[in-house]
């Protein structure tokens, strides 16, 4: 959740949330399709 768009093909980033958890943490991306 570094404040820049991670560049996922076909998508752009709307929001990113991260928190420590089991499995060494969890990260959730809210995305929008480019098309």
ModelCIF file with pLDDT and N, C-alpha, C, O atoms, coordinates in Angstrom:
data_MODEL
#
_entry.id   MODEL 
#
_entity.id                         1 
_entity.type                       polymer 
_entity.pdbx_number_of_molecules   1 
#
_entity_poly.entity_id                      1 
_entity_poly.type                           'polypeptide(L)' 
_entity_poly.nstd_linkage                   no 
_entity_poly.nstd_monomer                   no 
_entity_poly.pdbx_seq_one_letter_code       
;(UNK)(UNK)(UNK)(UNK)(UNK)(UNK)(UNK)(UNK)(UNK)(UNK)(UNK)(UNK)(UNK)(UNK)(UNK)(UNK)
(UNK)(UNK)(UNK)(UNK)(UNK)(UNK)(UNK)(UNK)(UNK)(UNK)(UNK)(UNK)(UNK)(UNK)(UNK)(UNK)
(UNK)(UNK)(UNK)
;
_entity_poly.pdbx_seq_one_letter_code_can   XXXXXXXXXXXXXXXXXXXXXXXXXXXXXXXXXXX 
_entity_poly.pdbx_strand_id                 A 
#
loop_
_entity_poly_seq.entity_id 
_entity_poly_seq.num 
_entity_poly_seq.mon_id 
_entity_poly_seq.hetero 
1 1  UNK n 
1 2  UNK n 
1 3  UNK n 
1 4  UNK n 
1 5  UNK n 
1 6  UNK n 
1 7  UNK n 
1 8  UNK n 
1 9  UNK n 
1 10 UNK n 
1 11 UNK n 
1 12 UNK n 
1 13 UNK n 
1 14 UNK n 
1 15 UNK n 
1 16 UNK n 
1 17 UNK n 
1 18 UNK n 
1 19 UNK n 
1 20 UNK n 
1 21 UNK n 
1 22 UNK n 
1 23 UNK n 
1 24 UNK n 
1 25 UNK n 
1 26 UNK n 
1 27 UNK n 
1 28 UNK n 
1 29 UNK n 
1 30 UNK n 
1 31 UNK n 
1 32 UNK n 
1 33 UNK n 
1 34 UNK n 
1 35 UNK n 
#
_struct_asym.id          A 
_struct_asym.entity_id   1 
#
loop_
_ma_qa_metric.id 
_ma_qa_metric.mode 
_ma_qa_metric.name 
_ma_qa_metric.software_group_id 
_ma_qa_metric.type 
1 global pLDDT . pLDDT 
2 local  pLDDT . pLDDT 
#
_ma_qa_metric_global.metric_id      1 
_ma_qa_metric_global.metric_value   92.60 
_ma_qa_metric_global.model_id       1 
_ma_qa_metric_global.ordinal_id     1 
#
loop_
_ma_qa_metric_local.label_asym_id 
_ma_qa_metric_local.label_comp_id 
_ma_qa_metric_local.label_seq_id 
_ma_qa_metric_local.metric_id 
_ma_qa_metric_local.metric_value 
_ma_qa_metric_local.model_id 
_ma_qa_metric_local.ordinal_id 
A UNK 1  2 93.00 1 1  
A UNK 2  2 86.00 1 2  
A UNK 3  2 83.00 1 3  
A UNK 4  2 91.00 1 4  
A UNK 5  2 95.00 1 5  
A UNK 6  2 95.00 1 6  
A UNK 7  2 94.00 1 7  
A UNK 8  2 96.00 1 8  
A UNK 9  2 96.00 1 9  
A UNK 10 2 97.00 1 10 
A UNK 11 2 97.00 1 11 
A UNK 12 2 97.00 1 12 
A UNK 13 2 97.00 1 13 
A UNK 14 2 96.00 1 14 
A UNK 15 2 97.00 1 15 
A UNK 16 2 97.00 1 16 
A UNK 17 2 96.00 1 17 
A UNK 18 2 95.00 1 18 
A UNK 19 2 94.00 1 19 
A UNK 20 2 87.00 1 20 
A UNK 21 2 81.00 1 21 
A UNK 22 2 75.00 1 22 
A UNK 23 2 66.00 1 23 
A UNK 24 2 80.00 1 24 
A UNK 25 2 89.00 1 25 
A UNK 26 2 94.00 1 26 
A UNK 27 2 95.00 1 27 
A UNK 28 2 97.00 1 28 
A UNK 29 2 98.00 1 29 
A UNK 30 2 98.00 1 30 
A UNK 31 2 98.00 1 31 
A UNK 32 2 98.00 1 32 
A UNK 33 2 98.00 1 33 
A UNK 34 2 98.00 1 34 
A UNK 35 2 97.00 1 35 
#
loop_
_atom_site.group_PDB 
_atom_site.id 
_atom_site.type_symbol 
_atom_site.label_atom_id 
_atom_site.label_alt_id 
_atom_site.label_comp_id 
_atom_site.label_asym_id 
_atom_site.label_entity_id 
_atom_site.label_seq_id 
_atom_site.pdbx_PDB_ins_code 
_atom_site.Cartn_x 
_atom_site.Cartn_y 
_atom_site.Cartn_z 
_atom_site.occupancy 
_atom_site.B_iso_or_equiv 
_atom_site.pdbx_formal_charge 
_atom_site.auth_seq_id 
_atom_site.auth_comp_id 
_atom_site.auth_asym_id 
_atom_site.auth_atom_id 
_atom_site.pdbx_PDB_model_num 
ATOM 1   N N  . UNK A 1 1  ? 0.836   -1.208  0.000   1.00 93.00 ? 1  UNK A N  1 
ATOM 2   C CA . UNK A 1 1  ? 0.000   0.000   0.000   1.00 93.00 ? 1  UNK A CA 1 
ATOM 3   C C  . UNK A 1 1  ? 0.866   1.251   0.000   1.00 93.00 ? 1  UNK A C  1 
ATOM 4   O O  . UNK A 1 1  ? 0.731   2.117   0.865   1.00 93.00 ? 1  UNK A O  1 
ATOM 5   N N  . UNK A 1 2  ? 1.746   1.332   -0.973  1.00 86.00 ? 2  UNK A N  1 
ATOM 6   C CA . UNK A 1 2  ? 2.820   2.325   -0.953  1.00 86.00 ? 2  UNK A CA 1 
ATOM 7   C C  . UNK A 1 2  ? 2.423   3.693   -1.463  1.00 86.00 ? 2  UNK A C  1 
ATOM 8   O O  . UNK A 1 2  ? 3.271   4.582   -1.541  1.00 86.00 ? 2  UNK A O  1 
ATOM 9   N N  . UNK A 1 3  ? 1.159   3.892   -1.815  1.00 83.00 ? 3  UNK A N  1 
ATOM 10  C CA . UNK A 1 3  ? 0.729   5.203   -2.277  1.00 83.00 ? 3  UNK A CA 1 
ATOM 11  C C  . UNK A 1 3  ? 0.834   5.381   -3.773  1.00 83.00 ? 3  UNK A C  1 
ATOM 12  O O  . UNK A 1 3  ? 0.498   6.453   -4.276  1.00 83.00 ? 3  UNK A O  1 
ATOM 13  N N  . UNK A 1 4  ? 1.284   4.383   -4.507  1.00 91.00 ? 4  UNK A N  1 
ATOM 14  C CA . UNK A 1 4  ? 1.306   4.469   -5.964  1.00 91.00 ? 4  UNK A CA 1 
ATOM 15  C C  . UNK A 1 4  ? 0.572   3.255   -6.535  1.00 91.00 ? 4  UNK A C  1 
ATOM 16  O O  . UNK A 1 4  ? 0.404   2.237   -5.863  1.00 91.00 ? 4  UNK A O  1 
ATOM 17  N N  . UNK A 1 5  ? 0.145   3.387   -7.779  1.00 95.00 ? 5  UNK A N  1 
ATOM 18  C CA . UNK A 1 5  ? -0.599  2.314   -8.422  1.00 95.00 ? 5  UNK A CA 1 
ATOM 19  C C  . UNK A 1 5  ? 0.363   1.164   -8.745  1.00 95.00 ? 5  UNK A C  1 
ATOM 20  O O  . UNK A 1 5  ? 1.420   1.394   -9.333  1.00 95.00 ? 5  UNK A O  1 
ATOM 21  N N  . UNK A 1 6  ? 0.005   -0.081  -8.364  1.00 95.00 ? 6  UNK A N  1 
ATOM 22  C CA . UNK A 1 6  ? 0.933   -1.192  -8.609  1.00 95.00 ? 6  UNK A CA 1 
ATOM 23  C C  . UNK A 1 6  ? 0.987   -1.642  -10.059 1.00 95.00 ? 6  UNK A C  1 
ATOM 24  O O  . UNK A 1 6  ? 1.799   -2.508  -10.387 1.00 95.00 ? 6  UNK A O  1 
ATOM 25  N N  . UNK A 1 7  ? 0.153   -1.087  -10.951 1.00 94.00 ? 7  UNK A N  1 
ATOM 26  C CA . UNK A 1 7  ? 0.255   -1.399  -12.367 1.00 94.00 ? 7  UNK A CA 1 
ATOM 27  C C  . UNK A 1 7  ? -0.291  -2.764  -12.747 1.00 94.00 ? 7  UNK A C  1 
ATOM 28  O O  . UNK A 1 7  ? 0.319   -3.470  -13.550 1.00 94.00 ? 7  UNK A O  1 
ATOM 29  N N  . UNK A 1 8  ? -1.428  -3.146  -12.184 1.00 96.00 ? 8  UNK A N  1 
ATOM 30  C CA . UNK A 1 8  ? -2.062  -4.418  -12.531 1.00 96.00 ? 8  UNK A CA 1 
ATOM 31  C C  . UNK A 1 8  ? -2.713  -4.272  -13.902 1.00 96.00 ? 8  UNK A C  1 
ATOM 32  O O  . UNK A 1 8  ? -3.544  -3.384  -14.087 1.00 96.00 ? 8  UNK A O  1 
ATOM 33  N N  . UNK A 1 9  ? -2.358  -5.122  -14.869 1.00 96.00 ? 9  UNK A N  1 
ATOM 34  C CA . UNK A 1 9  ? -2.898  -4.971  -16.227 1.00 96.00 ? 9  UNK A CA 1 
ATOM 35  C C  . UNK A 1 9  ? -4.434  -4.963  -16.247 1.00 96.00 ? 9  UNK A C  1 
ATOM 36  O O  . UNK A 1 9  ? -5.079  -5.849  -15.687 1.00 96.00 ? 9  UNK A O  1 
ATOM 37  N N  . UNK A 1 10 ? -5.003  -3.940  -16.905 1.00 97.00 ? 10 UNK A N  1 
ATOM 38  C CA . UNK A 1 10 ? -6.441  -3.837  -17.054 1.00 97.00 ? 10 UNK A CA 1 
ATOM 39  C C  . UNK A 1 10 ? -7.161  -3.166  -15.908 1.00 97.00 ? 10 UNK A C  1 
ATOM 40  O O  . UNK A 1 10 ? -8.372  -2.957  -15.982 1.00 97.00 ? 10 UNK A O  1 
ATOM 41  N N  . UNK A 1 11 ? -6.436  -2.818  -14.833 1.00 97.00 ? 11 UNK A N  1 
ATOM 42  C CA . UNK A 1 11 ? -7.059  -2.251  -13.643 1.00 97.00 ? 11 UNK A CA 1 
ATOM 43  C C  . UNK A 1 11 ? -6.276  -1.039  -13.162 1.00 97.00 ? 11 UNK A C  1 
ATOM 44  O O  . UNK A 1 11 ? -5.089  -0.894  -13.456 1.00 97.00 ? 11 UNK A O  1 
ATOM 45  N N  . UNK A 1 12 ? -6.955  -0.170  -12.419 1.00 97.00 ? 12 UNK A N  1 
ATOM 46  C CA . UNK A 1 12 ? -6.255  0.879   -11.686 1.00 97.00 ? 12 UNK A CA 1 
ATOM 47  C C  . UNK A 1 12 ? -6.724  0.861   -10.229 1.00 97.00 ? 12 UNK A C  1 
ATOM 48  O O  . UNK A 1 12 ? -7.828  0.407   -9.927  1.00 97.00 ? 12 UNK A O  1 
ATOM 49  N N  . UNK A 1 13 ? -5.886  1.350   -9.350  1.00 97.00 ? 13 UNK A N  1 
ATOM 50  C CA . UNK A 1 13 ? -6.106  1.245   -7.904  1.00 97.00 ? 13 UNK A CA 1 
ATOM 51  C C  . UNK A 1 13 ? -7.017  2.357   -7.405  1.00 97.00 ? 13 UNK A C  1 
ATOM 52  O O  . UNK A 1 13 ? -6.809  3.531   -7.712  1.00 97.00 ? 13 UNK A O  1 
ATOM 53  N N  . UNK A 1 14 ? -8.047  1.968   -6.619  1.00 96.00 ? 14 UNK A N  1 
ATOM 54  C CA . UNK A 1 14 ? -8.918  2.923   -5.942  1.00 96.00 ? 14 UNK A CA 1 
ATOM 55  C C  . UNK A 1 14 ? -8.561  3.077   -4.474  1.00 96.00 ? 14 UNK A C  1 
ATOM 56  O O  . UNK A 1 14 ? -8.589  4.185   -3.938  1.00 96.00 ? 14 UNK A O  1 
ATOM 57  N N  . UNK A 1 15 ? -8.223  1.963   -3.818  1.00 97.00 ? 15 UNK A N  1 
ATOM 58  C CA . UNK A 1 15 ? -7.924  1.993   -2.383  1.00 97.00 ? 15 UNK A CA 1 
ATOM 59  C C  . UNK A 1 15 ? -7.073  0.776   -2.047  1.00 97.00 ? 15 UNK A C  1 
ATOM 60  O O  . UNK A 1 15 ? -7.135  -0.254  -2.720  1.00 97.00 ? 15 UNK A O  1 
ATOM 61  N N  . UNK A 1 16 ? -6.285  0.918   -1.000  1.00 97.00 ? 16 UNK A N  1 
ATOM 62  C CA . UNK A 1 16 ? -5.451  -0.188  -0.531  1.00 97.00 ? 16 UNK A CA 1 
ATOM 63  C C  . UNK A 1 16 ? -5.437  -0.178  0.994   1.00 97.00 ? 16 UNK A C  1 
ATOM 64  O O  . UNK A 1 16 ? -5.213  0.864   1.611   1.00 97.00 ? 16 UNK A O  1 
ATOM 65  N N  . UNK A 1 17 ? -5.678  -1.345  1.599   1.00 96.00 ? 17 UNK A N  1 
ATOM 66  C CA . UNK A 1 17 ? -5.661  -1.488  3.054   1.00 96.00 ? 17 UNK A CA 1 
ATOM 67  C C  . UNK A 1 17 ? -4.731  -2.650  3.411   1.00 96.00 ? 17 UNK A C  1 
ATOM 68  O O  . UNK A 1 17 ? -4.710  -3.666  2.716   1.00 96.00 ? 17 UNK A O  1 
ATOM 69  N N  . UNK A 1 18 ? -3.965  -2.501  4.494   1.00 95.00 ? 18 UNK A N  1 
ATOM 70  C CA . UNK A 1 18 ? -3.028  -3.542  4.905   1.00 95.00 ? 18 UNK A CA 1 
ATOM 71  C C  . UNK A 1 18 ? -3.013  -3.628  6.423   1.00 95.00 ? 18 UNK A C  1 
ATOM 72  O O  . UNK A 1 18 ? -3.167  -2.618  7.110   1.00 95.00 ? 18 UNK A O  1 
ATOM 73  N N  . UNK A 1 19 ? -2.825  -4.844  6.949   1.00 94.00 ? 19 UNK A N  1 
ATOM 74  C CA . UNK A 1 19 ? -2.813  -5.034  8.398   1.00 94.00 ? 19 UNK A CA 1 
ATOM 75  C C  . UNK A 1 19 ? -2.076  -6.323  8.732   1.00 94.00 ? 19 UNK A C  1 
ATOM 76  O O  . UNK A 1 19 ? -2.194  -7.303  7.996   1.00 94.00 ? 19 UNK A O  1 
ATOM 77  N N  . UNK A 1 20 ? -1.310  -6.345  9.839   1.00 87.00 ? 20 UNK A N  1 
ATOM 78  C CA . UNK A 1 20 ? -0.703  -7.597  10.274  1.00 87.00 ? 20 UNK A CA 1 
ATOM 79  C C  . UNK A 1 20 ? -1.764  -8.643  10.561  1.00 87.00 ? 20 UNK A C  1 
ATOM 80  O O  . UNK A 1 20 ? -2.848  -8.317  11.044  1.00 87.00 ? 20 UNK A O  1 
ATOM 81  N N  . UNK A 1 21 ? -1.452  -9.909  10.264  1.00 81.00 ? 21 UNK A N  1 
ATOM 82  C CA . UNK A 1 21 ? -2.422  -10.968 10.449  1.00 81.00 ? 21 UNK A CA 1 
ATOM 83  C C  . UNK A 1 21 ? -1.695  -12.297 10.327  1.00 81.00 ? 21 UNK A C  1 
ATOM 84  O O  . UNK A 1 21 ? -0.481  -12.337 10.124  1.00 81.00 ? 21 UNK A O  1 
ATOM 85  N N  . UNK A 1 22 ? -2.452  -13.389 10.451  1.00 75.00 ? 22 UNK A N  1 
ATOM 86  C CA . UNK A 1 22 ? -1.882  -14.685 10.128  1.00 75.00 ? 22 UNK A CA 1 
ATOM 87  C C  . UNK A 1 22 ? -1.440  -14.683 8.679   1.00 75.00 ? 22 UNK A C  1 
ATOM 88  O O  . UNK A 1 22 ? -1.861  -13.825 7.903   1.00 75.00 ? 22 UNK A O  1 
ATOM 89  N N  . UNK A 1 23 ? -0.600  -15.627 8.305   1.00 66.00 ? 23 UNK A N  1 
ATOM 90  C CA . UNK A 1 23 ? -0.027  -15.684 6.953   1.00 66.00 ? 23 UNK A CA 1 
ATOM 91  C C  . UNK A 1 23 ? 0.784   -14.428 6.664   1.00 66.00 ? 23 UNK A C  1 
ATOM 92  O O  . UNK A 1 23 ? 0.857   -13.987 5.517   1.00 66.00 ? 23 UNK A O  1 
ATOM 93  N N  . UNK A 1 24 ? 1.401   -13.840 7.709   1.00 80.00 ? 24 UNK A N  1 
ATOM 94  C CA . UNK A 1 24 ? 2.298   -12.682 7.577   1.00 80.00 ? 24 UNK A CA 1 
ATOM 95  C C  . UNK A 1 24 ? 1.617   -11.436 7.049   1.00 80.00 ? 24 UNK A C  1 
ATOM 96  O O  . UNK A 1 24 ? 2.236   -10.628 6.358   1.00 80.00 ? 24 UNK A O  1 
ATOM 97  N N  . UNK A 1 25 ? 0.353   -11.281 7.371   1.00 89.00 ? 25 UNK A N  1 
ATOM 98  C CA . UNK A 1 25 ? -0.342  -10.055 7.019   1.00 89.00 ? 25 UNK A CA 1 
ATOM 99  C C  . UNK A 1 25 ? -1.328  -10.247 5.891   1.00 89.00 ? 25 UNK A C  1 
ATOM 100 O O  . UNK A 1 25 ? -1.278  -11.228 5.149   1.00 89.00 ? 25 UNK A O  1 
ATOM 101 N N  . UNK A 1 26 ? -2.238  -9.272  5.777   1.00 94.00 ? 26 UNK A N  1 
ATOM 102 C CA . UNK A 1 26 ? -3.243  -9.295  4.705   1.00 94.00 ? 26 UNK A CA 1 
ATOM 103 C C  . UNK A 1 26 ? -3.278  -7.916  4.061   1.00 94.00 ? 26 UNK A C  1 
ATOM 104 O O  . UNK A 1 26 ? -3.130  -6.900  4.740   1.00 94.00 ? 26 UNK A O  1 
ATOM 105 N N  . UNK A 1 27 ? -3.473  -7.890  2.760   1.00 95.00 ? 27 UNK A N  1 
ATOM 106 C CA . UNK A 1 27 ? -3.539  -6.649  1.997   1.00 95.00 ? 27 UNK A CA 1 
ATOM 107 C C  . UNK A 1 27 ? -4.732  -6.751  1.044   1.00 95.00 ? 27 UNK A C  1 
ATOM 108 O O  . UNK A 1 27 ? -4.902  -7.758  0.357   1.00 95.00 ? 27 UNK A O  1 
ATOM 109 N N  . UNK A 1 28 ? -5.550  -5.706  1.009   1.00 97.00 ? 28 UNK A N  1 
ATOM 110 C CA . UNK A 1 28 ? -6.755  -5.722  0.178   1.00 97.00 ? 28 UNK A CA 1 
ATOM 111 C C  . UNK A 1 28 ? -6.729  -4.513  -0.758  1.00 97.00 ? 28 UNK A C  1 
ATOM 112 O O  . UNK A 1 28 ? -6.555  -3.373  -0.325  1.00 97.00 ? 28 UNK A O  1 
ATOM 113 N N  . UNK A 1 29 ? -6.905  -4.790  -2.041  1.00 98.00 ? 29 UNK A N  1 
ATOM 114 C CA . UNK A 1 29 ? -6.921  -3.761  -3.064  1.00 98.00 ? 29 UNK A CA 1 
ATOM 115 C C  . UNK A 1 29 ? -8.352  -3.582  -3.583  1.00 98.00 ? 29 UNK A C  1 
ATOM 116 O O  . UNK A 1 29 ? -9.003  -4.557  -3.961  1.00 98.00 ? 29 UNK A O  1 
ATOM 117 N N  . UNK A 1 30 ? -8.838  -2.344  -3.602  1.00 98.00 ? 30 UNK A N  1 
ATOM 118 C CA . UNK A 1 30 ? -10.072 -2.016  -4.307  1.00 98.00 ? 30 UNK A CA 1 
ATOM 119 C C  . UNK A 1 30 ? -9.659  -1.442  -5.659  1.00 98.00 ? 30 UNK A C  1 
ATOM 120 O O  . UNK A 1 30 ? -8.952  -0.437  -5.731  1.00 98.00 ? 30 UNK A O  1 
ATOM 121 N N  . UNK A 1 31 ? -10.114 -2.100  -6.738  1.00 98.00 ? 31 UNK A N  1 
ATOM 122 C CA . UNK A 1 31 ? -9.671  -1.783  -8.086  1.00 98.00 ? 31 UNK A CA 1 
ATOM 123 C C  . UNK A 1 31 ? -10.851 -1.348  -8.947  1.00 98.00 ? 31 UNK A C  1 
ATOM 124 O O  . UNK A 1 31 ? -12.002 -1.617  -8.607  1.00 98.00 ? 31 UNK A O  1 
ATOM 125 N N  . UNK A 1 32 ? -10.566 -0.671  -10.067 1.00 98.00 ? 32 UNK A N  1 
ATOM 126 C CA . UNK A 1 32 ? -11.564 -0.366  -11.103 1.00 98.00 ? 32 UNK A CA 1 
ATOM 127 C C  . UNK A 1 32 ? -10.999 -0.802  -12.451 1.00 98.00 ? 32 UNK A C  1 
ATOM 128 O O  . UNK A 1 32 ? -9.823  -0.588  -12.746 1.00 98.00 ? 32 UNK A O  1 
ATOM 129 N N  . UNK A 1 33 ? -11.848 -1.410  -13.252 1.00 98.00 ? 33 UNK A N  1 
ATOM 130 C CA . UNK A 1 33 ? -11.427 -1.796  -14.601 1.00 98.00 ? 33 UNK A CA 1 
ATOM 131 C C  . UNK A 1 33 ? -11.173 -0.552  -15.444 1.00 98.00 ? 33 UNK A C  1 
ATOM 132 O O  . UNK A 1 33 ? -11.895 0.440   -15.347 1.00 98.00 ? 33 UNK A O  1 
ATOM 133 N N  . UNK A 1 34 ? -10.133 -0.623  -16.270 1.00 98.00 ? 34 UNK A N  1 
ATOM 134 C CA . UNK A 1 34 ? -9.808  0.517   -17.127 1.00 98.00 ? 34 UNK A CA 1 
ATOM 135 C C  . UNK A 1 34 ? -10.829 0.704   -18.247 1.00 98.00 ? 34 UNK A C  1 
ATOM 136 O O  . UNK A 1 34 ? -11.031 1.826   -18.711 1.00 98.00 ? 34 UNK A O  1 
ATOM 137 N N  . UNK A 1 35 ? -11.484 -0.389  -18.692 1.00 97.00 ? 35 UNK A N  1 
ATOM 138 C CA . UNK A 1 35 ? -12.377 -0.262  -19.848 1.00 97.00 ? 35 UNK A CA 1 
ATOM 139 C C  . UNK A 1 35 ? -13.774 0.223   -19.478 1.00 97.00 ? 35 UNK A C  1 
ATOM 140 O O  . UNK A 1 35 ? -14.627 0.374   -20.353 1.00 97.00 ? 35 UNK A O  1 
#
